[in-house]
Every structure is written in structure tokens, then in C-alpha cells.
Amino acid sequence: MKNIVLFGPPGAGKGTQAELLKNKYNLIHISTGEVFRYNIRNKTDLGILAKTYMDNGDLVPDEVTVKMLKAEVDKNPGAKGFLFDGFPRTESQAIALDSFLADKNDSVNGMVSLEVPEALLVERLLKRGETSGRSDDQDEEKIKHRFQEYYEKTAVLQKYYEKQNKYFGVDGVGTIEDINKRLQKVFNEL
């Protein structure tokens, strides 16, 4: 199986690229954000809880996120692999993912990170906020808070995967097609 963590700050293009990559490599795309938004739209207990964190630009607590992701993986027992988008976001989530996959005699093949300058990310998110209806994409202060959360809590995952020789940075600036070609080069090696 090919299990890849697609990584990068908010607005880096993970969702856009994941759609292209899942089809090319026949992977199940699990987007934490999409799963949370589904639960929010349907007003599940998890969705209501997640919304309180997301509206403030905060990360949803690990225990809630890990439980949700395990359930998503278990829904697809015949999968050829998974493309994790937005998960893991903390070292404890990465450890939980490693443990969960090890129980299935599997592992993460690599973390592929889209690298984009912050000024461009803010521009992308504000533009997305005009059409997405996402409150966390419409306020520059909330966006900056998300970056602060990302750099403090999430970016440490680079070191976690570097220690395992599983971290791969990819330039996330350019056309969707150009970025996708760069990502495919890395995916083909994993």
C-alpha cells in the first residue's frame, strides 16, 4: 500500500492537488477538513465540537481527530493506499497514525509538503473565502492565527518525518499543473 501524508500550511493547495493525485495513484483521499465540514453541515456532536475550534482558527483536539481518521480508514478495507490531507497535524497524531497503520502491517511511505510563501497563502485564502463561505478564510486575523497555530504545533512534523527519512518538500508556487508534476516526481519514488 502507498500511504502518503500531503502537508503544508493553510492555502498551500493540498485539497486541489489531492484530487488530482488520488485519481492518478488510485488512493483514498481522506481530508480532515472535509470530514469535519461534513459533520458540521449535518450538525453531528463531532461537527458541533469541531466548529467551535475551527471558527477560532484553532486545531481540533488530537483525540477527536485520531478517532475520526481511524474510522475513515476502517471504512475502506480494500484500499490500495491513502492520501492523508490535513492529518496528522501534531506529533502525537503522527505517532497515533504510525501505531494504527502498524496494527494493519502498514506504514506511512512519506510526507510530501507543499512549500509556499506566507504572503501568497494569505492572498489565496482571502480569495477562497470570497466563494467558499468558510468564515476562517474571510478574516485576515483568523488566517494569521491559523498560520501561528500551524508553525507552533504542526510544522514540527517536518522534523518527525525527517528523522525517518520520509520528508519531501515540494515547491507549491506556480500553475496547478506545474505543482502536480513536481508532486508526481516525488510520489513515483515512494
Protein backbone atom coordinates (compact mmCIF):
# COMPACT_ATOMS: atom_id res chain seq x y z
CA MET A 1 0.00 0.00 0.00
CA LYS A 2 1.02 3.58 -0.61
CA ASN A 3 0.19 5.85 2.34
CA ILE A 4 1.17 9.46 1.88
CA VAL A 5 0.71 12.48 4.11
CA LEU A 6 0.13 15.60 2.00
CA PHE A 7 1.31 18.50 4.07
CA GLY A 8 1.55 22.27 4.01
CA PRO A 9 0.13 25.39 5.60
CA PRO A 10 -3.47 26.53 5.05
CA GLY A 11 -3.91 27.65 1.45
CA ALA A 12 -0.96 25.68 0.08
CA GLY A 13 -3.20 23.78 -2.35
CA LYS A 14 -3.38 20.41 -0.62
CA GLY A 15 -7.04 19.81 -1.48
CA THR A 16 -6.62 20.78 -5.12
CA GLN A 17 -3.57 18.58 -5.57
CA ALA A 18 -5.05 15.70 -3.57
CA GLU A 19 -7.96 15.49 -6.03
CA LEU A 20 -5.54 15.05 -8.93
CA LEU A 21 -3.20 12.67 -7.10
CA LYS A 22 -5.86 10.34 -5.68
CA ASN A 23 -7.08 9.56 -9.18
CA LYS A 24 -3.61 9.12 -10.68
CA TYR A 25 -2.46 6.73 -7.92
CA ASN A 26 -5.84 5.14 -7.04
CA LEU A 27 -5.64 6.30 -3.42
CA ILE A 28 -8.41 7.02 -0.96
CA HIS A 29 -8.26 10.74 -0.16
CA ILE A 30 -9.01 11.48 3.47
CA SER A 31 -9.31 15.21 4.09
CA THR A 32 -9.69 16.03 7.75
CA GLY A 33 -11.23 19.37 6.84
CA GLU A 34 -13.81 17.79 4.55
CA VAL A 35 -14.75 15.20 7.16
CA PHE A 36 -15.15 17.95 9.76
CA ARG A 37 -17.19 20.13 7.36
CA TYR A 38 -19.47 17.17 6.60
CA ASN A 39 -20.08 16.71 10.32
CA ILE A 40 -20.64 20.46 10.77
CA ARG A 41 -23.19 20.59 7.93
CA ASN A 42 -25.01 17.62 9.44
CA LYS A 43 -24.79 19.05 12.98
CA THR A 44 -23.36 15.88 14.49
CA ASP A 45 -21.90 16.08 18.00
CA LEU A 46 -18.42 15.90 16.49
CA GLY A 47 -19.31 18.61 13.98
CA ILE A 48 -20.61 20.98 16.62
CA LEU A 49 -17.48 20.45 18.72
CA ALA A 50 -15.14 20.81 15.74
CA LYS A 51 -16.87 24.03 14.63
CA THR A 52 -16.11 25.77 17.90
CA TYR A 53 -12.39 25.16 17.37
CA MET A 54 -12.35 25.83 13.62
CA ASP A 55 -14.27 29.12 13.93
CA ASN A 56 -11.49 30.40 16.18
CA GLY A 57 -8.78 29.16 13.81
CA ASP A 58 -7.69 26.53 16.35
CA LEU A 59 -6.87 22.89 15.72
CA VAL A 60 -9.41 20.28 16.77
CA PRO A 61 -8.02 18.21 19.72
CA ASP A 62 -5.96 15.15 18.81
CA GLU A 63 -8.18 12.53 20.43
CA VAL A 64 -11.22 13.64 18.39
CA THR A 65 -9.25 13.84 15.15
CA VAL A 66 -7.49 10.48 15.59
CA LYS A 67 -10.74 8.65 16.37
CA MET A 68 -12.38 10.16 13.30
CA LEU A 69 -9.47 9.24 10.99
CA LYS A 70 -9.30 5.65 12.22
CA ALA A 71 -12.98 5.30 11.35
CA GLU A 72 -12.36 6.70 7.85
CA VAL A 73 -9.51 4.25 7.19
CA ASP A 74 -11.56 1.34 8.50
CA LYS A 75 -14.37 2.21 6.04
CA ASN A 76 -12.00 1.29 3.17
CA PRO A 77 -10.51 -2.15 3.91
CA GLY A 78 -9.65 -2.90 0.27
CA ALA A 79 -7.87 0.39 -0.43
CA LYS A 80 -4.59 0.44 -2.36
CA GLY A 81 -3.46 3.27 -0.10
CA PHE A 82 -4.43 6.55 1.48
CA LEU A 83 -3.67 10.16 0.83
CA PHE A 84 -3.94 11.96 4.17
CA ASP A 85 -4.72 15.65 3.74
CA GLY A 86 -4.69 17.70 6.92
CA PHE A 87 -3.65 14.78 9.09
CA PRO A 88 -1.54 14.32 11.08
CA ARG A 89 -1.14 17.86 12.38
CA THR A 90 0.74 17.16 15.59
CA GLU A 91 3.47 14.75 16.60
CA SER A 92 1.04 12.82 18.81
CA GLN A 93 -1.28 12.39 15.79
CA ALA A 94 1.69 11.17 13.69
CA ILE A 95 2.59 8.64 16.39
CA ALA A 96 -1.05 7.51 16.57
CA LEU A 97 -1.16 7.14 12.76
CA ASP A 98 2.07 5.10 12.77
CA SER A 99 0.68 2.87 15.50
CA PHE A 100 -2.68 2.45 13.78
CA LEU A 101 -1.05 1.57 10.43
CA ALA A 102 1.45 -0.77 12.13
CA ASP A 103 -1.52 -2.70 13.58
CA LYS A 104 -2.52 -3.25 9.94
CA ASN A 105 1.06 -4.24 8.98
CA ASP A 106 1.48 -0.97 7.09
CA SER A 107 3.19 2.41 7.43
CA VAL A 108 3.42 5.93 6.04
CA ASN A 109 5.58 5.95 2.90
CA GLY A 110 6.28 9.65 3.06
CA MET A 111 5.22 13.15 3.99
CA VAL A 112 5.12 15.43 0.96
CA SER A 113 4.97 19.11 1.88
CA LEU A 114 3.83 21.96 -0.37
CA GLU A 115 6.05 24.94 0.40
CA VAL A 116 4.54 28.38 -0.29
CA PRO A 117 5.46 31.89 0.99
CA GLU A 118 3.05 33.20 3.65
CA ALA A 119 2.08 36.37 1.73
CA LEU A 120 0.85 34.26 -1.18
CA LEU A 121 -1.01 31.96 1.21
CA VAL A 122 -2.93 34.90 2.74
CA GLU A 123 -3.86 36.08 -0.74
CA ARG A 124 -5.05 32.59 -1.75
CA LEU A 125 -7.12 32.12 1.41
CA LEU A 126 -8.84 35.51 1.19
CA LYS A 127 -9.69 34.78 -2.44
CA ARG A 128 -11.03 31.33 -1.50
CA GLY A 129 -13.04 32.94 1.30
CA GLU A 130 -14.95 35.03 -1.24
CA THR A 131 -16.54 31.91 -2.73
CA SER A 132 -16.20 29.13 -0.13
CA GLY A 133 -18.35 30.60 2.59
CA ARG A 134 -15.73 29.45 5.11
CA SER A 135 -15.55 32.01 7.91
CA ASP A 136 -11.94 31.04 8.66
CA ASP A 137 -10.93 32.16 5.12
CA GLN A 138 -12.61 35.57 5.24
CA ASP A 139 -10.75 37.28 8.08
CA GLU A 140 -7.06 38.06 7.78
CA GLU A 141 -6.58 37.95 11.56
CA LYS A 142 -8.07 34.44 11.73
CA ILE A 143 -5.85 33.42 8.83
CA LYS A 144 -2.76 34.72 10.62
CA HIS A 145 -3.85 32.90 13.78
CA ARG A 146 -4.08 29.68 11.74
CA PHE A 147 -0.52 30.23 10.49
CA GLN A 148 0.65 30.77 14.07
CA GLU A 149 -1.05 27.51 15.10
CA TYR A 150 0.48 25.77 12.08
CA TYR A 151 4.02 26.94 12.80
CA GLU A 152 3.81 26.27 16.56
CA LYS A 153 2.06 22.90 16.51
CA THR A 154 2.14 21.42 13.02
CA ALA A 155 5.39 22.38 11.36
CA VAL A 156 7.27 20.26 13.94
CA LEU A 157 6.09 17.24 11.96
CA GLN A 158 8.75 18.03 9.39
CA LYS A 159 11.40 17.00 11.93
CA TYR A 160 9.41 13.90 12.90
CA TYR A 161 9.35 12.64 9.31
CA GLU A 162 12.89 13.85 8.51
CA LYS A 163 14.19 11.57 11.27
CA GLN A 164 12.58 8.66 9.39
CA ASN A 165 13.88 9.91 6.00
CA LYS A 166 10.26 10.34 4.93
CA TYR A 167 10.02 14.12 4.45
CA PHE A 168 9.90 15.60 0.93
CA GLY A 169 9.46 19.34 0.33
CA VAL A 170 7.92 20.43 -2.98
CA ASP A 171 7.68 23.98 -4.37
CA GLY A 172 3.98 24.87 -4.16
CA VAL A 173 4.16 28.01 -6.31
CA GLY A 174 3.10 28.02 -9.95
CA THR A 175 0.28 26.58 -12.00
CA ILE A 176 -1.73 23.66 -10.71
CA GLU A 177 -0.23 21.54 -13.48
CA ASP A 178 3.38 22.52 -12.70
CA ILE A 179 2.93 21.81 -9.00
CA ASN A 180 1.27 18.50 -9.81
CA LYS A 181 4.20 17.43 -12.00
CA ARG A 182 6.59 18.17 -9.13
CA LEU A 183 4.42 16.16 -6.74
CA GLN A 184 4.20 13.22 -9.15
CA LYS A 185 8.01 13.04 -9.32
CA VAL A 186 8.09 12.51 -5.55
CA PHE A 187 5.06 10.17 -5.47
CA ASN A 188 6.63 7.97 -8.14
CA GLU A 189 9.66 7.44 -5.86
CA LEU A 190 7.61 6.49 -2.79
